[in-house]
């Protein structure tokens, strides 16, 4: 009889932790958003549940001093 390893479920798989999804996941996506005038979307992160539905959107930005 074959023995199959049981996959280890992560907290994201079980739904005990929301999974972050960047609106622009890489440099080229950020550049494209800036070029399209979508500056307000840069720095946004969706946190999705285990069914893929967005539970919350977090917006990060620098303060006036650039920090």
C-alpha atoms as a PDB file:
ATOM      1  CA  UNK A   1       0.000   0.000   0.000  1.00  0.00           C
ATOM      2  CA  UNK A   2       1.380   3.390  -0.985  1.00  0.00           C
ATOM      3  CA  UNK A   3       2.043   5.957   1.717  1.00  0.00           C
ATOM      4  CA  UNK A   4       1.156   9.521   0.791  1.00  0.00           C
ATOM      5  CA  UNK A   5       2.339  12.465   2.813  1.00  0.00           C
ATOM      6  CA  UNK A   6      -0.437  14.601   4.202  1.00  0.00           C
ATOM      7  CA  UNK A   7       0.090  18.204   3.103  1.00  0.00           C
ATOM      8  CA  UNK A   8       0.701  20.657   5.906  1.00  0.00           C
ATOM      9  CA  UNK A   9      -1.974  23.330   5.929  1.00  0.00           C
ATOM     10  CA  UNK A  10      -0.863  26.879   6.565  1.00  0.00           C
ATOM     11  CA  UNK A  11      -2.857  29.409   8.612  1.00  0.00           C
ATOM     12  CA  UNK A  12      -3.886  30.897   5.246  1.00  0.00           C
ATOM     13  CA  UNK A  13      -5.297  27.520   4.139  1.00  0.00           C
ATOM     14  CA  UNK A  14      -7.273  27.004   7.347  1.00  0.00           C
ATOM     15  CA  UNK A  15      -8.686  30.533   7.402  1.00  0.00           C
ATOM     16  CA  UNK A  16      -7.113  31.474  10.726  1.00  0.00           C
ATOM     17  CA  UNK A  17      -5.028  34.174   9.020  1.00  0.00           C
ATOM     18  CA  UNK A  18      -5.926  36.554   6.186  1.00  0.00           C
ATOM     19  CA  UNK A  19      -3.586  36.398   3.185  1.00  0.00           C
ATOM     20  CA  UNK A  20      -2.063  39.675   1.960  1.00  0.00           C
ATOM     21  CA  UNK A  21      -2.389  40.450  -1.775  1.00  0.00           C
ATOM     22  CA  UNK A  22      -0.547  43.509  -3.058  1.00  0.00           C
ATOM     23  CA  UNK A  23      -2.434  45.609  -5.602  1.00  0.00           C
ATOM     24  CA  UNK A  24       0.870  46.055  -7.458  1.00  0.00           C
ATOM     25  CA  UNK A  25       2.925  42.931  -6.730  1.00  0.00           C
ATOM     26  CA  UNK A  26       6.069  43.997  -8.555  1.00  0.00           C
ATOM     27  CA  UNK A  27       8.034  46.992  -9.794  1.00  0.00           C
ATOM     28  CA  UNK A  28       6.577  46.962 -13.307  1.00  0.00           C
ATOM     29  CA  UNK A  29       3.032  47.004 -11.878  1.00  0.00           C
ATOM     30  CA  UNK A  30       3.885  50.051  -9.741  1.00  0.00           C
ATOM     31  CA  UNK A  31       5.359  51.836 -12.761  1.00  0.00           C
ATOM     32  CA  UNK A  32       2.271  50.986 -14.839  1.00  0.00           C
ATOM     33  CA  UNK A  33      -0.034  52.356 -12.106  1.00  0.00           C
ATOM     34  CA  UNK A  34       2.009  55.559 -11.877  1.00  0.00           C
ATOM     35  CA  UNK A  35       2.028  55.971 -15.662  1.00  0.00           C
ATOM     36  CA  UNK A  36      -1.765  55.512 -15.764  1.00  0.00           C
ATOM     37  CA  UNK A  37      -2.275  58.184 -13.096  1.00  0.00           C
ATOM     38  CA  UNK A  38      -3.413  55.642 -10.503  1.00  0.00           C
ATOM     39  CA  UNK A  39      -1.158  56.983  -7.752  1.00  0.00           C
ATOM     40  CA  UNK A  40      -3.869  56.493  -5.103  1.00  0.00           C
ATOM     41  CA  UNK A  41      -3.736  52.704  -5.635  1.00  0.00           C
ATOM     42  CA  UNK A  42      -0.026  52.368  -4.847  1.00  0.00           C
ATOM     43  CA  UNK A  43       0.548  50.946  -1.378  1.00  0.00           C
ATOM     44  CA  UNK A  44      -2.814  49.186  -1.104  1.00  0.00           C
ATOM     45  CA  UNK A  45      -2.958  45.618   0.155  1.00  0.00           C
ATOM     46  CA  UNK A  46      -6.045  43.383   0.194  1.00  0.00           C
ATOM     47  CA  UNK A  47      -6.283  40.806   2.951  1.00  0.00           C
ATOM     48  CA  UNK A  48      -8.265  37.836   1.628  1.00  0.00           C
ATOM     49  CA  UNK A  49      -9.943  35.028   3.555  1.00  0.00           C
ATOM     50  CA  UNK A  50      -9.587  31.319   2.751  1.00  0.00           C
ATOM     51  CA  UNK A  51     -12.338  31.611   0.107  1.00  0.00           C
ATOM     52  CA  UNK A  52     -10.532  34.429  -1.705  1.00  0.00           C
ATOM     53  CA  UNK A  53     -12.910  37.195  -0.608  1.00  0.00           C
ATOM     54  CA  UNK A  54     -11.366  40.479   0.486  1.00  0.00           C
ATOM     55  CA  UNK A  55     -11.951  41.063   4.190  1.00  0.00           C
ATOM     56  CA  UNK A  56     -10.050  44.349   4.510  1.00  0.00           C
ATOM     57  CA  UNK A  57      -7.938  46.737   2.406  1.00  0.00           C
ATOM     58  CA  UNK A  58      -4.971  48.431   4.067  1.00  0.00           C
ATOM     59  CA  UNK A  59      -3.419  51.580   2.594  1.00  0.00           C
ATOM     60  CA  UNK A  60       0.196  52.417   3.412  1.00  0.00           C
ATOM     61  CA  UNK A  61       1.820  55.716   2.585  1.00  0.00           C
ATOM     62  CA  UNK A  62       4.808  57.804   3.556  1.00  0.00           C
ATOM     63  CA  UNK A  63       4.400  60.772   5.837  1.00  0.00           C
ATOM     64  CA  UNK A  64       5.310  64.335   4.814  1.00  0.00           C
ATOM     65  CA  UNK A  65       8.940  63.714   5.860  1.00  0.00           C
ATOM     66  CA  UNK A  66       9.205  60.661   3.581  1.00  0.00           C
ATOM     67  CA  UNK A  67       9.337  58.146   6.440  1.00  0.00           C
END
